[in-house]
């Protein structure tokens, strides 16, 4: 006998419904664009590339945080996680956009460490949601987030950590964005 538990009132309940397909599609397209720009940007120096990365990352985090909050209002299950991740993403992205020089020049190693922790936590949440019915695409995205988050955490003190960050973010954006786009179209056809 299976008992259904109503999780809509619990702030820590995991989502049981998928995000709207168009929201997932928009987030996937944004991730692919950011990944492509990071890999093939016409920036002439490492400084310009780093500044471009900081601006794109700030914009992406703000948009991802807004998407998390919108999803919280369209699906009330797991609202605690959605609220937490949305607010953290908006605050981190807002800080980066307000202080791009401090983020790019003053704290590159700490920035890589924080991004690694964020990627690891985001990957864990995505993996847990995948096991709770989010689908294989979310599971793969979770594993990719955990791997790249762990890689960034392990290498944040190494010389050239910013360059490592650029490559990791570019690859994560391309792979994760492609998976989100495929999953969005699968949700739409279902």
C-alpha atoms as a PDB file:
ATOM      1  CA  UNK A   1       0.000   0.000   0.000  1.00  0.00           C
ATOM      2  CA  UNK A   2       1.417   3.369  -1.007  1.00  0.00           C
ATOM      3  CA  UNK A   3       0.715   6.483   0.988  1.00  0.00           C
ATOM      4  CA  UNK A   4       0.941   9.850  -0.706  1.00  0.00           C
ATOM      5  CA  UNK A   5       2.403  12.567   1.448  1.00  0.00           C
ATOM      6  CA  UNK A   6       1.339  16.136   0.841  1.00  0.00           C
ATOM      7  CA  UNK A   7       4.549  18.113   0.627  1.00  0.00           C
ATOM      8  CA  UNK A   8       3.133  21.423  -0.479  1.00  0.00           C
ATOM      9  CA  UNK A   9       3.099  22.860   3.024  1.00  0.00           C
ATOM     10  CA  UNK A  10       6.629  21.836   3.997  1.00  0.00           C
ATOM     11  CA  UNK A  11       9.397  24.346   3.267  1.00  0.00           C
ATOM     12  CA  UNK A  12      11.971  21.572   2.809  1.00  0.00           C
ATOM     13  CA  UNK A  13       9.866  19.225   0.676  1.00  0.00           C
ATOM     14  CA  UNK A  14      11.314  18.233  -2.669  1.00  0.00           C
ATOM     15  CA  UNK A  15       9.572  19.147  -5.900  1.00  0.00           C
ATOM     16  CA  UNK A  16       7.412  16.465  -7.409  1.00  0.00           C
ATOM     17  CA  UNK A  17       6.282  18.408 -10.476  1.00  0.00           C
ATOM     18  CA  UNK A  18       8.629  19.498 -13.213  1.00  0.00           C
ATOM     19  CA  UNK A  19       9.261  23.151 -13.984  1.00  0.00           C
ATOM     20  CA  UNK A  20       7.236  24.599 -16.832  1.00  0.00           C
ATOM     21  CA  UNK A  21       8.951  23.517 -20.039  1.00  0.00           C
ATOM     22  CA  UNK A  22       9.393  27.070 -21.338  1.00  0.00           C
ATOM     23  CA  UNK A  23      11.153  28.164 -18.134  1.00  0.00           C
ATOM     24  CA  UNK A  24      13.591  25.271 -18.393  1.00  0.00           C
ATOM     25  CA  UNK A  25      14.098  26.028 -22.102  1.00  0.00           C
ATOM     26  CA  UNK A  26      14.924  29.700 -21.424  1.00  0.00           C
ATOM     27  CA  UNK A  27      17.394  28.770 -18.684  1.00  0.00           C
ATOM     28  CA  UNK A  28      19.023  26.169 -20.959  1.00  0.00           C
ATOM     29  CA  UNK A  29      19.398  28.626 -23.833  1.00  0.00           C
ATOM     30  CA  UNK A  30      20.949  31.201 -21.484  1.00  0.00           C
ATOM     31  CA  UNK A  31      23.416  28.604 -20.162  1.00  0.00           C
ATOM     32  CA  UNK A  32      24.440  27.532 -23.694  1.00  0.00           C
ATOM     33  CA  UNK A  33      24.936  31.146 -24.793  1.00  0.00           C
ATOM     34  CA  UNK A  34      27.065  31.925 -21.741  1.00  0.00           C
ATOM     35  CA  UNK A  35      29.131  28.753 -22.234  1.00  0.00           C
ATOM     36  CA  UNK A  36      29.693  29.540 -25.910  1.00  0.00           C
ATOM     37  CA  UNK A  37      30.709  33.121 -25.181  1.00  0.00           C
ATOM     38  CA  UNK A  38      33.192  31.906 -22.572  1.00  0.00           C
ATOM     39  CA  UNK A  39      34.779  29.423 -24.958  1.00  0.00           C
ATOM     40  CA  UNK A  40      34.827  31.528 -28.111  1.00  0.00           C
ATOM     41  CA  UNK A  41      34.752  35.124 -26.888  1.00  0.00           C
ATOM     42  CA  UNK A  42      36.791  37.533 -29.000  1.00  0.00           C
ATOM     43  CA  UNK A  43      38.373  38.993 -25.868  1.00  0.00           C
ATOM     44  CA  UNK A  44      42.022  39.825 -26.571  1.00  0.00           C
ATOM     45  CA  UNK A  45      43.425  39.485 -23.084  1.00  0.00           C
ATOM     46  CA  UNK A  46      42.851  37.355 -20.030  1.00  0.00           C
ATOM     47  CA  UNK A  47      41.696  40.421 -18.122  1.00  0.00           C
ATOM     48  CA  UNK A  48      38.954  41.158 -20.655  1.00  0.00           C
ATOM     49  CA  UNK A  49      37.882  37.521 -20.624  1.00  0.00           C
ATOM     50  CA  UNK A  50      37.739  37.521 -16.824  1.00  0.00           C
ATOM     51  CA  UNK A  51      35.707  40.731 -16.774  1.00  0.00           C
ATOM     52  CA  UNK A  52      33.322  39.315 -19.374  1.00  0.00           C
ATOM     53  CA  UNK A  53      32.951  36.170 -17.290  1.00  0.00           C
ATOM     54  CA  UNK A  54      32.189  38.134 -14.145  1.00  0.00           C
ATOM     55  CA  UNK A  55      29.492  40.191 -15.891  1.00  0.00           C
ATOM     56  CA  UNK A  56      27.914  37.144 -17.573  1.00  0.00           C
ATOM     57  CA  UNK A  57      27.991  35.147 -14.372  1.00  0.00           C
ATOM     58  CA  UNK A  58      26.339  37.957 -12.437  1.00  0.00           C
ATOM     59  CA  UNK A  59      23.602  38.247 -15.056  1.00  0.00           C
ATOM     60  CA  UNK A  60      23.132  34.473 -15.181  1.00  0.00           C
ATOM     61  CA  UNK A  61      22.835  34.164 -11.386  1.00  0.00           C
ATOM     62  CA  UNK A  62      20.276  36.951 -11.199  1.00  0.00           C
ATOM     63  CA  UNK A  63      18.221  35.364 -14.003  1.00  0.00           C
ATOM     64  CA  UNK A  64      18.525  31.860 -12.501  1.00  0.00           C
ATOM     65  CA  UNK A  65      17.446  33.209  -9.111  1.00  0.00           C
ATOM     66  CA  UNK A  66      14.423  34.921 -10.629  1.00  0.00           C
ATOM     67  CA  UNK A  67      13.520  31.670 -12.432  1.00  0.00           C
ATOM     68  CA  UNK A  68      13.761  29.779  -9.129  1.00  0.00           C
ATOM     69  CA  UNK A  69      11.434  32.280  -7.447  1.00  0.00           C
ATOM     70  CA  UNK A  70       8.966  32.185 -10.363  1.00  0.00           C
ATOM     71  CA  UNK A  71       8.989  28.394 -10.202  1.00  0.00           C
ATOM     72  CA  UNK A  72       8.300  28.617  -6.465  1.00  0.00           C
ATOM     73  CA  UNK A  73       5.043  30.466  -7.219  1.00  0.00           C
ATOM     74  CA  UNK A  74       3.992  28.134 -10.047  1.00  0.00           C
ATOM     75  CA  UNK A  75       4.700  24.959  -8.034  1.00  0.00           C
ATOM     76  CA  UNK A  76       4.517  25.247  -4.251  1.00  0.00           C
ATOM     77  CA  UNK A  77       6.180  21.909  -3.500  1.00  0.00           C
ATOM     78  CA  UNK A  78       9.732  22.277  -2.243  1.00  0.00           C
ATOM     79  CA  UNK A  79       9.253  26.019  -1.925  1.00  0.00           C
ATOM     80  CA  UNK A  80      11.900  26.263   0.812  1.00  0.00           C
ATOM     81  CA  UNK A  81      14.667  25.030  -1.482  1.00  0.00           C
ATOM     82  CA  UNK A  82      13.460  27.166  -4.355  1.00  0.00           C
ATOM     83  CA  UNK A  83      13.309  30.259  -2.150  1.00  0.00           C
ATOM     84  CA  UNK A  84      16.780  29.589  -0.708  1.00  0.00           C
ATOM     85  CA  UNK A  85      18.454  28.928  -4.062  1.00  0.00           C
ATOM     86  CA  UNK A  86      16.629  31.843  -5.711  1.00  0.00           C
ATOM     87  CA  UNK A  87      17.635  34.351  -3.052  1.00  0.00           C
ATOM     88  CA  UNK A  88      21.247  33.139  -2.888  1.00  0.00           C
ATOM     89  CA  UNK A  89      21.546  33.328  -6.683  1.00  0.00           C
ATOM     90  CA  UNK A  90      20.047  36.826  -6.837  1.00  0.00           C
ATOM     91  CA  UNK A  91      22.239  38.112  -3.991  1.00  0.00           C
ATOM     92  CA  UNK A  92      25.429  36.616  -5.474  1.00  0.00           C
ATOM     93  CA  UNK A  93      24.630  37.885  -8.969  1.00  0.00           C
ATOM     94  CA  UNK A  94      23.644  41.321  -7.662  1.00  0.00           C
ATOM     95  CA  UNK A  95      26.876  41.628  -5.680  1.00  0.00           C
ATOM     96  CA  UNK A  96      28.926  40.671  -8.725  1.00  0.00           C
ATOM     97  CA  UNK A  97      27.105  43.186 -10.924  1.00  0.00           C
ATOM     98  CA  UNK A  98      27.475  45.974  -8.345  1.00  0.00           C
ATOM     99  CA  UNK A  99      31.164  45.272  -7.633  1.00  0.00           C
ATOM    100  CA  UNK A 100      32.621  43.644 -10.764  1.00  0.00           C
ATOM    101  CA  UNK A 101      36.149  44.932 -10.191  1.00  0.00           C
ATOM    102  CA  UNK A 102      36.250  43.655  -6.609  1.00  0.00           C
ATOM    103  CA  UNK A 103      34.900  40.285  -7.740  1.00  0.00           C
ATOM    104  CA  UNK A 104      37.291  40.046 -10.702  1.00  0.00           C
ATOM    105  CA  UNK A 105      40.480  41.472  -9.228  1.00  0.00           C
ATOM    106  CA  UNK A 106      40.281  41.381  -5.459  1.00  0.00           C
ATOM    107  CA  UNK A 107      38.880  37.937  -4.738  1.00  0.00           C
ATOM    108  CA  UNK A 108      39.537  35.524  -7.625  1.00  0.00           C
ATOM    109  CA  UNK A 109      40.485  32.550  -5.454  1.00  0.00           C
ATOM    110  CA  UNK A 110      37.659  33.060  -2.991  1.00  0.00           C
ATOM    111  CA  UNK A 111      35.319  33.640  -5.920  1.00  0.00           C
ATOM    112  CA  UNK A 112      36.323  30.291  -7.442  1.00  0.00           C
ATOM    113  CA  UNK A 113      35.860  28.580  -4.060  1.00  0.00           C
ATOM    114  CA  UNK A 114      32.402  30.110  -3.576  1.00  0.00           C
ATOM    115  CA  UNK A 115      31.419  29.158  -7.118  1.00  0.00           C
ATOM    116  CA  UNK A 116      32.658  25.618  -6.481  1.00  0.00           C
ATOM    117  CA  UNK A 117      30.580  25.363  -3.309  1.00  0.00           C
ATOM    118  CA  UNK A 118      27.562  26.833  -5.126  1.00  0.00           C
ATOM    119  CA  UNK A 119      27.995  24.381  -8.003  1.00  0.00           C
ATOM    120  CA  UNK A 120      28.359  21.484  -5.583  1.00  0.00           C
ATOM    121  CA  UNK A 121      25.226  22.451  -3.652  1.00  0.00           C
ATOM    122  CA  UNK A 122      23.273  23.130  -6.848  1.00  0.00           C
ATOM    123  CA  UNK A 123      24.384  19.751  -8.184  1.00  0.00           C
ATOM    124  CA  UNK A 124      23.347  17.950  -4.999  1.00  0.00           C
ATOM    125  CA  UNK A 125      19.926  19.618  -5.027  1.00  0.00           C
ATOM    126  CA  UNK A 126      19.464  18.753  -8.724  1.00  0.00           C
ATOM    127  CA  UNK A 127      20.490  15.142  -8.094  1.00  0.00           C
ATOM    128  CA  UNK A 128      18.095  14.796  -5.170  1.00  0.00           C
ATOM    129  CA  UNK A 129      15.285  16.310  -7.245  1.00  0.00           C
ATOM    130  CA  UNK A 130      16.127  13.904 -10.080  1.00  0.00           C
ATOM    131  CA  UNK A 131      15.713  10.931  -7.741  1.00  0.00           C
ATOM    132  CA  UNK A 132      12.401  12.406  -6.602  1.00  0.00           C
ATOM    133  CA  UNK A 133      10.979  12.385 -10.116  1.00  0.00           C
ATOM    134  CA  UNK A 134      12.766  15.260 -11.856  1.00  0.00           C
ATOM    135  CA  UNK A 135      14.030  13.091 -14.712  1.00  0.00           C
ATOM    136  CA  UNK A 136      17.319  11.893 -16.122  1.00  0.00           C
ATOM    137  CA  UNK A 137      18.265  15.310 -17.504  1.00  0.00           C
ATOM    138  CA  UNK A 138      18.174  16.875 -14.064  1.00  0.00           C
ATOM    139  CA  UNK A 139      20.189  13.920 -12.738  1.00  0.00           C
ATOM    140  CA  UNK A 140      22.925  14.393 -15.333  1.00  0.00           C
ATOM    141  CA  UNK A 141      22.951  18.132 -14.661  1.00  0.00           C
ATOM    142  CA  UNK A 142      23.321  17.371 -10.953  1.00  0.00           C
ATOM    143  CA  UNK A 143      26.287  15.067 -11.549  1.00  0.00           C
ATOM    144  CA  UNK A 144      27.940  17.654 -13.821  1.00  0.00           C
ATOM    145  CA  UNK A 145      27.422  20.340 -11.150  1.00  0.00           C
ATOM    146  CA  UNK A 146      28.925  18.101  -8.450  1.00  0.00           C
ATOM    147  CA  UNK A 147      31.949  17.187 -10.592  1.00  0.00           C
ATOM    148  CA  UNK A 148      32.738  20.770 -11.629  1.00  0.00           C
ATOM    149  CA  UNK A 149      31.980  22.114  -8.156  1.00  0.00           C
ATOM    150  CA  UNK A 150      34.365  19.595  -6.636  1.00  0.00           C
ATOM    151  CA  UNK A 151      36.977  20.391  -9.286  1.00  0.00           C
ATOM    152  CA  UNK A 152      36.796  24.108  -8.505  1.00  0.00           C
ATOM    153  CA  UNK A 153      36.946  23.509  -4.746  1.00  0.00           C
ATOM    154  CA  UNK A 154      40.002  21.272  -5.155  1.00  0.00           C
ATOM    155  CA  UNK A 155      41.862  23.796  -7.343  1.00  0.00           C
ATOM    156  CA  UNK A 156      40.889  27.217  -6.009  1.00  0.00           C
ATOM    157  CA  UNK A 157      44.372  27.980  -4.595  1.00  0.00           C
ATOM    158  CA  UNK A 158      46.264  26.878  -7.704  1.00  0.00           C
ATOM    159  CA  UNK A 159      47.879  29.526  -9.889  1.00  0.00           C
ATOM    160  CA  UNK A 160      45.540  30.326 -12.748  1.00  0.00           C
ATOM    161  CA  UNK A 161      42.413  29.416 -10.770  1.00  0.00           C
ATOM    162  CA  UNK A 162      40.549  32.080 -12.719  1.00  0.00           C
ATOM    163  CA  UNK A 163      41.444  30.374 -15.998  1.00  0.00           C
ATOM    164  CA  UNK A 164      40.290  27.046 -14.564  1.00  0.00           C
ATOM    165  CA  UNK A 165      37.082  28.764 -13.581  1.00  0.00           C
ATOM    166  CA  UNK A 166      36.546  30.092 -17.111  1.00  0.00           C
ATOM    167  CA  UNK A 167      36.945  26.644 -18.700  1.00  0.00           C
ATOM    168  CA  UNK A 168      34.815  24.891 -16.066  1.00  0.00           C
ATOM    169  CA  UNK A 169      32.021  27.461 -16.370  1.00  0.00           C
ATOM    170  CA  UNK A 170      32.102  27.289 -20.173  1.00  0.00           C
ATOM    171  CA  UNK A 171      31.888  23.505 -20.264  1.00  0.00           C
ATOM    172  CA  UNK A 172      29.217  23.441 -17.547  1.00  0.00           C
ATOM    173  CA  UNK A 173      27.186  26.028 -19.439  1.00  0.00           C
ATOM    174  CA  UNK A 174      27.323  24.129 -22.726  1.00  0.00           C
ATOM    175  CA  UNK A 175      26.624  20.671 -21.303  1.00  0.00           C
ATOM    176  CA  UNK A 176      24.121  21.763 -18.679  1.00  0.00           C
ATOM    177  CA  UNK A 177      22.314  24.087 -21.047  1.00  0.00           C
ATOM    178  CA  UNK A 178      22.036  21.421 -23.739  1.00  0.00           C
ATOM    179  CA  UNK A 179      20.612  18.966 -21.213  1.00  0.00           C
ATOM    180  CA  UNK A 180      18.091  21.554 -20.000  1.00  0.00           C
ATOM    181  CA  UNK A 181      16.977  22.279 -23.584  1.00  0.00           C
ATOM    182  CA  UNK A 182      16.490  18.576 -24.353  1.00  0.00           C
ATOM    183  CA  UNK A 183      14.618  18.051 -21.093  1.00  0.00           C
ATOM    184  CA  UNK A 184      12.392  21.067 -21.790  1.00  0.00           C
ATOM    185  CA  UNK A 185      11.293  19.648 -25.135  1.00  0.00           C
ATOM    186  CA  UNK A 186      10.734  16.229 -23.547  1.00  0.00           C
ATOM    187  CA  UNK A 187       8.513  17.841 -20.913  1.00  0.00           C
ATOM    188  CA  UNK A 188       6.597  19.747 -23.561  1.00  0.00           C
ATOM    189  CA  UNK A 189       5.860  16.612 -25.576  1.00  0.00           C
ATOM    190  CA  UNK A 190       4.853  14.628 -22.471  1.00  0.00           C
END
